[in-house]
Amino acid sequence: MKFLASVHGKAFKKRDAVPVEFYFENGAPQTLRGFSGKVGERIFLHDRSGQWRMMAGLGQQDKFNADILRKVSAEAAQELATRGVRDALILLSSWPGA
């Protein structure tokens, strides 16, 4: 699977690339009912335009580290691969300070 990146929604758009957004616990948009952002929690849904999108939880921000990022990213990639997704677009605008 190929991961591509887009900073603040600028640049890069690839047809069929599934966007993946990462959220800290309780940092997800209120519209994502049932998704709290706990470590390893994932939700796979259609957005308003009908495109598939994945949200992945990173847990509590004050406990976040590189190992959590690796674990969550690997699990998200595995799930996307089992669904037949070949390309994923990481949306960096979801990161604090990005």
Protein backbone atom coordinates (compact mmCIF):
# COMPACT_ATOMS: atom_id res chain seq x y z
CA MET A 1 0.00 0.00 0.00
CA LYS A 2 1.23 3.46 -0.86
CA PHE A 3 0.73 6.28 1.64
CA LEU A 4 0.56 9.82 0.29
CA ALA A 5 0.34 13.04 2.29
CA SER A 6 -1.60 16.27 2.04
CA VAL A 7 -0.88 19.23 4.32
CA HIS A 8 -3.86 21.45 5.17
CA GLY A 9 -5.83 20.10 2.22
CA LYS A 10 -3.36 21.62 -0.26
CA ALA A 11 -1.68 19.73 -3.03
CA PHE A 12 -2.11 16.12 -3.84
CA LYS A 13 -5.34 14.56 -4.88
CA LYS A 14 -5.33 11.02 -6.16
CA ARG A 15 -8.39 9.26 -7.40
CA ASP A 16 -9.23 6.20 -5.34
CA ALA A 17 -6.85 7.17 -2.49
CA VAL A 18 -8.70 6.74 0.81
CA PRO A 19 -8.15 9.65 3.21
CA VAL A 20 -7.08 8.63 6.73
CA GLU A 21 -7.50 11.12 9.57
CA PHE A 22 -5.96 10.62 13.02
CA TYR A 23 -7.61 12.05 16.13
CA PHE A 24 -6.69 12.21 19.79
CA GLU A 25 -9.26 10.99 22.29
CA ASN A 26 -12.25 13.34 22.46
CA GLY A 27 -10.73 15.44 19.66
CA ALA A 28 -12.82 14.09 16.80
CA PRO A 29 -15.55 16.22 15.23
CA GLN A 30 -18.87 15.98 17.06
CA THR A 31 -20.48 14.70 13.87
CA LEU A 32 -18.63 11.37 14.32
CA ARG A 33 -21.02 9.87 16.83
CA GLY A 34 -19.74 6.67 18.38
CA PHE A 35 -16.09 7.52 17.66
CA SER A 36 -14.13 8.80 20.64
CA GLY A 37 -10.54 8.56 19.36
CA LYS A 38 -9.34 5.88 21.79
CA VAL A 39 -6.10 4.08 20.83
CA GLY A 40 -6.74 1.69 17.97
CA GLU A 41 -10.37 2.72 17.48
CA ARG A 42 -11.21 3.03 13.80
CA ILE A 43 -14.26 3.99 11.81
CA PHE A 44 -14.57 3.51 8.07
CA LEU A 45 -17.35 5.49 6.39
CA HIS A 46 -18.51 7.42 3.36
CA ASP A 47 -18.11 11.18 3.51
CA ARG A 48 -20.64 13.63 2.06
CA SER A 49 -19.16 13.30 -1.41
CA GLY A 50 -19.55 9.51 -1.29
CA GLN A 51 -15.81 8.84 -0.96
CA TRP A 52 -14.59 6.27 1.59
CA ARG A 53 -12.74 7.76 4.56
CA MET A 54 -11.09 6.31 7.66
CA MET A 55 -10.76 7.88 11.08
CA ALA A 56 -8.24 6.36 13.52
CA GLY A 57 -7.89 7.03 17.23
CA LEU A 58 -4.56 7.92 18.88
CA GLY A 59 -5.74 7.90 22.50
CA GLN A 60 -4.96 10.59 25.05
CA GLN A 61 -2.73 13.34 23.70
CA ASP A 62 -0.57 13.50 26.84
CA LYS A 63 0.25 9.76 26.52
CA PHE A 64 0.94 9.86 22.78
CA ASN A 65 4.31 8.58 21.51
CA ALA A 66 5.93 7.18 18.37
CA ASP A 67 5.07 3.58 19.30
CA ILE A 68 1.37 4.42 19.43
CA LEU A 69 1.61 6.12 16.04
CA ARG A 70 3.34 3.07 14.53
CA LYS A 71 0.79 0.67 16.02
CA VAL A 72 -2.25 2.69 14.98
CA SER A 73 -0.87 3.33 11.47
CA ALA A 74 -0.03 -0.35 10.94
CA GLU A 75 -3.48 -1.47 12.08
CA ALA A 76 -5.15 1.11 9.84
CA ALA A 77 -3.04 -0.01 6.87
CA GLN A 78 -3.93 -3.66 7.52
CA GLU A 79 -7.63 -2.87 7.62
CA LEU A 80 -7.45 -0.80 4.45
CA ALA A 81 -5.55 -3.59 2.68
CA THR A 82 -8.16 -6.20 3.67
CA ARG A 83 -10.78 -3.91 2.13
CA GLY A 84 -8.82 -3.81 -1.13
CA VAL A 85 -7.56 -0.24 -0.76
CA ARG A 86 -4.31 0.29 -2.66
CA ASP A 87 -3.56 3.94 -1.79
CA ALA A 88 -4.20 5.96 1.37
CA LEU A 89 -3.99 9.72 1.81
CA ILE A 90 -2.82 10.86 5.25
CA LEU A 91 -4.42 14.19 6.14
CA LEU A 92 -1.87 16.07 8.19
CA SER A 93 -4.20 18.95 8.92
CA SER A 94 -5.68 16.75 11.66
CA TRP A 95 -2.46 17.01 13.70
CA PRO A 96 -2.16 19.71 16.34
CA GLY A 97 0.18 22.42 15.16
CA ALA A 98 0.20 21.20 11.54
